[in-house]
């Protein structure tokens, strides 16, 4: 498993794994002599599946800091209201 595994469902993981395997097979068969535009299209298809998972990982890593900043801001304004 990769470091993205905690951020996807089992179904997403299986579908992405299958898509990656299919893409690898395509690269060694029909994709061997494909044009750049075809490679770009194929990459875009993989990114449709992978980007949301990467975004969840990024959000999870940034969440503790964002929560801390929100808490400090709330405390600041509560203090201001109480004075």
N, C-alpha and C. Protein backbone atom coordinates (compact mmCIF):
# COMPACT_ATOMS: atom_id res chain seq x y z
N UNK A 1 0.83 -1.20 0.00
CA UNK A 1 0.00 0.00 0.00
C UNK A 1 0.87 1.25 0.00
N UNK A 2 0.35 2.27 -0.59
CA UNK A 2 1.08 3.52 -0.66
C UNK A 2 0.65 4.44 0.47
N UNK A 3 1.23 5.62 0.47
CA UNK A 3 0.86 6.59 1.50
C UNK A 3 -0.49 7.22 1.20
N UNK A 4 -1.11 6.92 0.07
CA UNK A 4 -2.43 7.43 -0.26
C UNK A 4 -3.55 6.48 0.17
N UNK A 5 -3.22 5.26 0.51
CA UNK A 5 -4.22 4.25 0.83
C UNK A 5 -5.21 4.68 1.91
N UNK A 6 -4.78 5.37 2.96
CA UNK A 6 -5.76 5.76 3.99
C UNK A 6 -6.79 6.78 3.51
N UNK A 7 -6.58 7.36 2.35
CA UNK A 7 -7.44 8.43 1.87
C UNK A 7 -8.39 8.01 0.75
N UNK A 8 -8.52 6.71 0.56
CA UNK A 8 -9.45 6.23 -0.46
C UNK A 8 -10.18 5.01 0.06
N UNK A 9 -11.33 4.76 -0.55
CA UNK A 9 -12.10 3.58 -0.19
C UNK A 9 -11.48 2.36 -0.86
N UNK A 10 -11.90 1.22 -0.42
CA UNK A 10 -11.41 -0.03 -1.03
C UNK A 10 -11.82 -0.10 -2.51
N UNK A 11 -13.04 0.37 -2.81
CA UNK A 11 -13.50 0.38 -4.21
C UNK A 11 -12.66 1.31 -5.06
N UNK A 12 -12.34 2.50 -4.54
CA UNK A 12 -11.50 3.44 -5.27
C UNK A 12 -10.11 2.85 -5.49
N UNK A 13 -9.59 2.23 -4.46
CA UNK A 13 -8.26 1.63 -4.54
C UNK A 13 -8.23 0.54 -5.62
N UNK A 14 -9.23 -0.32 -5.61
CA UNK A 14 -9.29 -1.41 -6.60
C UNK A 14 -9.47 -0.87 -8.01
N UNK A 15 -10.34 0.13 -8.16
CA UNK A 15 -10.57 0.70 -9.50
C UNK A 15 -9.32 1.40 -10.01
N UNK A 16 -8.64 2.12 -9.14
CA UNK A 16 -7.43 2.83 -9.55
C UNK A 16 -6.32 1.84 -9.89
N UNK A 17 -6.20 0.81 -9.09
CA UNK A 17 -5.19 -0.22 -9.35
C UNK A 17 -5.44 -0.89 -10.71
N UNK A 18 -6.69 -1.20 -10.99
CA UNK A 18 -7.05 -1.80 -12.27
C UNK A 18 -6.74 -0.85 -13.42
N UNK A 19 -7.09 0.43 -13.24
CA UNK A 19 -6.81 1.42 -14.29
C UNK A 19 -5.31 1.56 -14.53
N UNK A 20 -4.52 1.54 -13.47
CA UNK A 20 -3.07 1.63 -13.62
C UNK A 20 -2.50 0.42 -14.35
N UNK A 21 -3.00 -0.77 -14.01
CA UNK A 21 -2.55 -1.98 -14.69
C UNK A 21 -2.92 -1.94 -16.17
N UNK A 22 -4.15 -1.51 -16.45
CA UNK A 22 -4.59 -1.41 -17.85
C UNK A 22 -3.75 -0.41 -18.62
N UNK A 23 -3.42 0.70 -17.95
CA UNK A 23 -2.61 1.72 -18.60
C UNK A 23 -1.20 1.19 -18.88
N UNK A 24 -0.65 0.47 -17.93
CA UNK A 24 0.68 -0.10 -18.13
C UNK A 24 0.67 -1.07 -19.31
N UNK A 25 -0.34 -1.92 -19.36
CA UNK A 25 -0.46 -2.86 -20.48
C UNK A 25 -0.59 -2.11 -21.80
N UNK A 26 -1.40 -1.05 -21.82
CA UNK A 26 -1.58 -0.25 -23.02
C UNK A 26 -0.25 0.36 -23.46
N UNK A 27 0.53 0.85 -22.49
CA UNK A 27 1.82 1.47 -22.82
C UNK A 27 2.74 0.50 -23.56
N UNK A 28 2.75 -0.75 -23.12
CA UNK A 28 3.65 -1.73 -23.73
C UNK A 28 3.08 -2.33 -25.02
N UNK A 29 1.79 -2.13 -25.25
CA UNK A 29 1.17 -2.69 -26.45
C UNK A 29 0.84 -1.56 -27.43
N UNK A 30 -0.38 -1.11 -27.42
CA UNK A 30 -0.84 -0.10 -28.38
C UNK A 30 -0.23 1.27 -28.14
N UNK A 31 0.10 1.57 -26.91
CA UNK A 31 0.61 2.90 -26.60
C UNK A 31 2.06 3.12 -26.95
N UNK A 32 2.74 2.06 -27.35
CA UNK A 32 4.17 2.15 -27.62
C UNK A 32 4.49 3.23 -28.64
N UNK A 33 3.67 3.36 -29.64
CA UNK A 33 3.94 4.34 -30.68
C UNK A 33 2.83 5.40 -30.80
N UNK A 34 2.14 5.66 -29.70
CA UNK A 34 1.07 6.65 -29.70
C UNK A 34 1.63 8.06 -29.76
N UNK A 35 0.79 8.98 -30.13
CA UNK A 35 1.20 10.38 -30.20
C UNK A 35 1.14 11.02 -28.81
N UNK A 36 1.77 12.17 -28.71
CA UNK A 36 1.79 12.90 -27.44
C UNK A 36 0.38 13.23 -26.97
N UNK A 37 -0.49 13.61 -27.87
CA UNK A 37 -1.85 13.97 -27.48
C UNK A 37 -2.59 12.77 -26.87
N UNK A 38 -2.31 11.59 -27.35
CA UNK A 38 -2.94 10.38 -26.79
C UNK A 38 -2.39 10.13 -25.38
N UNK A 39 -1.10 10.31 -25.19
CA UNK A 39 -0.52 10.15 -23.85
C UNK A 39 -1.13 11.15 -22.87
N UNK A 40 -1.31 12.38 -23.33
CA UNK A 40 -1.90 13.41 -22.48
C UNK A 40 -3.33 13.04 -22.10
N UNK A 41 -4.08 12.52 -23.05
CA UNK A 41 -5.46 12.09 -22.78
C UNK A 41 -5.48 10.94 -21.76
N UNK A 42 -4.60 9.99 -21.93
CA UNK A 42 -4.54 8.85 -21.02
C UNK A 42 -4.14 9.30 -19.60
N UNK A 43 -3.18 10.20 -19.53
CA UNK A 43 -2.76 10.74 -18.23
C UNK A 43 -3.92 11.48 -17.55
N UNK A 44 -4.67 12.24 -18.32
CA UNK A 44 -5.82 12.96 -17.77
C UNK A 44 -6.83 12.00 -17.17
N UNK A 45 -7.04 10.86 -17.80
CA UNK A 45 -7.97 9.86 -17.28
C UNK A 45 -7.49 9.32 -15.93
N UNK A 46 -6.20 9.08 -15.81
CA UNK A 46 -5.66 8.61 -14.53
C UNK A 46 -5.75 9.69 -13.46
N UNK A 47 -5.51 10.93 -13.85
CA UNK A 47 -5.56 12.02 -12.89
C UNK A 47 -6.98 12.24 -12.36
N UNK A 48 -7.98 11.93 -13.17
CA UNK A 48 -9.37 12.03 -12.70
C UNK A 48 -9.59 11.15 -11.48
N UNK A 49 -8.92 10.04 -11.46
CA UNK A 49 -9.07 9.11 -10.34
C UNK A 49 -8.10 9.42 -9.20
N UNK A 50 -6.89 9.81 -9.53
CA UNK A 50 -5.86 10.00 -8.51
C UNK A 50 -5.89 11.35 -7.82
N UNK A 51 -6.24 12.41 -8.53
CA UNK A 51 -6.22 13.74 -7.92
C UNK A 51 -7.13 13.89 -6.71
N UNK A 52 -8.36 13.37 -6.75
CA UNK A 52 -9.20 13.49 -5.55
C UNK A 52 -8.59 12.81 -4.32
N UNK A 53 -7.92 11.71 -4.53
CA UNK A 53 -7.28 11.01 -3.42
C UNK A 53 -6.11 11.84 -2.89
N UNK A 54 -5.31 12.39 -3.79
CA UNK A 54 -4.20 13.26 -3.36
C UNK A 54 -4.73 14.50 -2.63
N UNK A 55 -5.85 15.03 -3.09
CA UNK A 55 -6.44 16.20 -2.43
C UNK A 55 -6.88 15.87 -1.00
N UNK A 56 -7.45 14.69 -0.81
CA UNK A 56 -7.84 14.27 0.54
C UNK A 56 -6.63 14.15 1.44
N UNK A 57 -5.54 13.61 0.91
CA UNK A 57 -4.31 13.51 1.71
C UNK A 57 -3.82 14.90 2.09
N UNK A 58 -3.80 15.81 1.14
CA UNK A 58 -3.34 17.18 1.40
C UNK A 58 -4.22 17.85 2.46
N UNK A 59 -5.53 17.71 2.33
CA UNK A 59 -6.44 18.30 3.31
C UNK A 59 -6.21 17.71 4.70
N UNK A 60 -6.02 16.42 4.77
CA UNK A 60 -5.80 15.78 6.06
C UNK A 60 -4.51 16.27 6.72
N UNK A 61 -3.48 16.49 5.92
CA UNK A 61 -2.21 16.96 6.47
C UNK A 61 -2.31 18.42 6.93
N UNK A 62 -3.11 19.22 6.23
CA UNK A 62 -3.24 20.64 6.56
C UNK A 62 -4.28 20.91 7.64
N UNK A 63 -5.18 19.97 7.87
CA UNK A 63 -6.29 20.18 8.80
C UNK A 63 -5.86 20.55 10.21
N UNK A 64 -4.88 19.89 10.83
CA UNK A 64 -4.53 20.25 12.21
C UNK A 64 -4.08 21.71 12.34
N UNK A 65 -3.30 22.19 11.40
CA UNK A 65 -2.85 23.58 11.44
C UNK A 65 -4.02 24.53 11.24
N UNK A 66 -4.90 24.21 10.31
CA UNK A 66 -6.07 25.06 10.06
C UNK A 66 -6.97 25.10 11.29
N UNK A 67 -7.15 23.98 11.96
CA UNK A 67 -7.97 23.95 13.17
C UNK A 67 -7.33 24.77 14.28
N UNK A 68 -6.02 24.68 14.40
CA UNK A 68 -5.29 25.45 15.40
C UNK A 68 -5.44 26.95 15.14
N UNK A 69 -5.31 27.35 13.90
CA UNK A 69 -5.46 28.76 13.55
C UNK A 69 -6.88 29.24 13.82
N UNK A 70 -7.87 28.42 13.50
CA UNK A 70 -9.26 28.78 13.76
C UNK A 70 -9.50 28.93 15.25
N UNK A 71 -8.98 28.00 16.04
CA UNK A 71 -9.15 28.07 17.49
C UNK A 71 -8.53 29.36 18.05
N UNK A 72 -7.34 29.71 17.60
CA UNK A 72 -6.68 30.93 18.07
C UNK A 72 -7.48 32.17 17.67
N UNK A 73 -8.03 32.16 16.48
CA UNK A 73 -8.83 33.30 16.02
C UNK A 73 -10.11 33.41 16.86
N UNK A 74 -10.75 32.30 17.13
CA UNK A 74 -11.95 32.32 17.97
C UNK A 74 -11.63 32.86 19.36
N UNK A 75 -10.54 32.38 19.93
CA UNK A 75 -10.15 32.85 21.26
C UNK A 75 -9.84 34.35 21.25
N UNK A 76 -9.21 34.83 20.21
CA UNK A 76 -8.89 36.25 20.09
C UNK A 76 -10.17 37.08 20.07
N UNK A 77 -11.14 36.67 19.28
CA UNK A 77 -12.38 37.44 19.18
C UNK A 77 -13.23 37.30 20.42
N UNK A 78 -13.21 36.15 21.06
CA UNK A 78 -13.93 36.00 22.32
C UNK A 78 -13.34 36.90 23.39
N UNK A 79 -12.04 36.98 23.42
CA UNK A 79 -11.35 37.87 24.36
C UNK A 79 -11.71 39.32 24.07
N UNK A 80 -11.75 39.68 22.82
CA UNK A 80 -12.10 41.04 22.42
C UNK A 80 -13.54 41.37 22.84
N UNK A 81 -14.46 40.41 22.65
CA UNK A 81 -15.86 40.64 23.04
C UNK A 81 -16.04 40.75 24.55
N UNK A 82 -15.19 40.07 25.30
CA UNK A 82 -15.31 40.07 26.77
C UNK A 82 -14.64 41.28 27.42
N UNK A 83 -13.98 42.13 26.65
CA UNK A 83 -13.31 43.27 27.26
C UNK A 83 -14.15 44.52 27.19
